[in-house]
Protein backbone atom coordinates (compact mmCIF):
# COMPACT_ATOMS: atom_id res chain seq x y z
CA UNK A 1 -40.05 18.23 -22.03
CA UNK A 2 -36.87 17.88 -20.02
CA UNK A 3 -36.30 20.33 -17.19
CA UNK A 4 -32.83 21.80 -16.97
CA UNK A 5 -31.11 22.69 -13.75
CA UNK A 6 -28.60 25.50 -13.71
CA UNK A 7 -25.28 24.25 -12.41
CA UNK A 8 -23.47 27.55 -12.34
CA UNK A 9 -24.54 30.96 -11.16
CA UNK A 10 -22.85 33.55 -13.38
CA UNK A 11 -23.92 36.54 -11.30
CA UNK A 12 -20.60 36.82 -9.44
CA UNK A 13 -18.65 36.37 -12.67
CA UNK A 14 -20.75 39.07 -14.33
CA UNK A 15 -19.94 41.42 -11.47
CA UNK A 16 -16.23 40.62 -11.82
CA UNK A 17 -16.43 41.43 -15.53
CA UNK A 18 -18.21 44.69 -14.76
CA UNK A 19 -15.59 45.64 -12.18
CA UNK A 20 -12.73 44.84 -14.56
CA UNK A 21 -14.40 46.85 -17.32
CA UNK A 22 -14.88 49.83 -15.02
CA UNK A 23 -11.25 49.60 -13.84
CA UNK A 24 -10.25 50.10 -17.47
CA UNK A 25 -12.62 53.10 -17.57
CA UNK A 26 -14.52 51.47 -20.40
CA UNK A 27 -18.23 51.86 -20.98
CA UNK A 28 -20.37 48.90 -21.94
CA UNK A 29 -20.40 50.36 -25.41
CA UNK A 30 -16.58 50.32 -25.51
CA UNK A 31 -16.43 46.69 -24.45
CA UNK A 32 -19.23 45.71 -26.81
CA UNK A 33 -17.48 47.35 -29.74
CA UNK A 34 -14.21 45.53 -29.02
CA UNK A 35 -16.02 42.22 -28.64
CA UNK A 36 -18.38 42.84 -31.56
CA UNK A 37 -21.45 42.49 -29.29
CA UNK A 38 -24.36 44.78 -28.63
CA UNK A 39 -24.09 46.73 -25.34
CA UNK A 40 -27.30 45.11 -24.06
CA UNK A 41 -25.61 41.68 -24.20
CA UNK A 42 -22.70 42.93 -22.08
CA UNK A 43 -25.21 44.41 -19.63
CA UNK A 44 -27.09 41.10 -19.42
CA UNK A 45 -23.90 39.22 -18.59
CA UNK A 46 -22.77 41.80 -16.03
CA UNK A 47 -26.04 42.53 -14.24
CA UNK A 48 -28.30 39.56 -14.85
CA UNK A 49 -25.79 36.73 -14.79
CA UNK A 50 -26.69 35.64 -18.31
CA UNK A 51 -24.81 32.49 -19.26
CA UNK A 52 -22.41 33.31 -22.08
CA UNK A 53 -21.28 30.67 -24.54
CA UNK A 54 -17.87 29.12 -23.92
CA UNK A 55 -16.36 31.24 -26.71
CA UNK A 56 -17.80 34.45 -25.24
CA UNK A 57 -16.69 33.44 -21.76
CA UNK A 58 -13.16 32.88 -23.05
CA UNK A 59 -13.11 36.23 -24.85
CA UNK A 60 -14.33 38.10 -21.77
CA UNK A 61 -11.88 36.33 -19.44
CA UNK A 62 -8.92 37.06 -21.69
CA UNK A 63 -9.94 40.64 -22.46
CA UNK A 64 -10.33 41.50 -18.78
CA UNK A 65 -7.69 39.07 -17.46
CA UNK A 66 -10.12 37.28 -15.17
CA UNK A 67 -9.46 33.81 -13.78
CA UNK A 68 -12.77 32.01 -14.08
CA UNK A 69 -12.02 28.86 -12.10
CA UNK A 70 -13.18 30.44 -8.84
CA UNK A 71 -16.56 31.11 -10.47
CA UNK A 72 -16.95 27.75 -12.18
CA UNK A 73 -15.69 25.72 -9.22
CA UNK A 74 -16.55 27.86 -6.19
CA UNK A 75 -16.61 24.99 -3.71
CA UNK A 76 -13.24 23.59 -4.73
CA UNK A 77 -10.51 24.16 -2.21
CA UNK A 78 -7.29 24.94 -4.02
CA UNK A 79 -4.29 23.51 -2.25
CA UNK A 80 -0.83 24.64 -3.16
CA UNK A 81 2.30 22.62 -2.83
CA UNK A 82 5.08 23.86 -0.58
CA UNK A 83 7.16 24.75 -3.65
CA UNK A 84 4.24 26.76 -5.10
CA UNK A 85 3.74 28.67 -1.83
CA UNK A 86 7.47 29.45 -1.72
CA UNK A 87 7.39 30.69 -5.31
CA UNK A 88 4.31 32.82 -4.65
CA UNK A 89 6.01 34.33 -1.62
CA UNK A 90 9.11 35.13 -3.67
CA UNK A 91 7.06 36.68 -6.49
CA UNK A 92 5.23 38.87 -3.98
CA UNK A 93 8.55 40.46 -3.00
CA UNK A 94 9.47 41.44 -6.57
CA UNK A 95 8.86 44.84 -8.08
CA UNK A 96 7.27 45.34 -11.52
CA UNK A 97 10.67 45.83 -13.17
CA UNK A 98 11.92 42.55 -11.69
CA UNK A 99 8.95 40.73 -13.18
CA UNK A 100 9.69 42.07 -16.65
CA UNK A 101 13.10 40.43 -16.47
CA UNK A 102 11.55 37.16 -15.33
CA UNK A 103 9.00 37.26 -18.19
CA UNK A 104 11.83 37.72 -20.71
CA UNK A 105 13.58 34.47 -19.76
CA UNK A 106 13.50 31.63 -22.25
CA UNK A 107 13.73 27.99 -21.37
């Protein structure tokens, strides 16, 4: 029998999901109902680092607006171009109403 080696620890991601859920003031039952899961499955992902399927991972990330790259590639150093750093700096100075206008632009 072939031995498998875990390549990704989902514990930190599970904690991020839990934090995002709690920030929405949702119970595990609320999240499970929306996702059509049982609450125990949500608990296993949050507290035990259970590996969700890719489809479940996608649904959780989009529901809670979590960027998962930092959890899947924790050792990767993300370098930003000068233009990207300038844009990030500019976006940081904008208020919420300014961003709504930016989101409404079409190209």
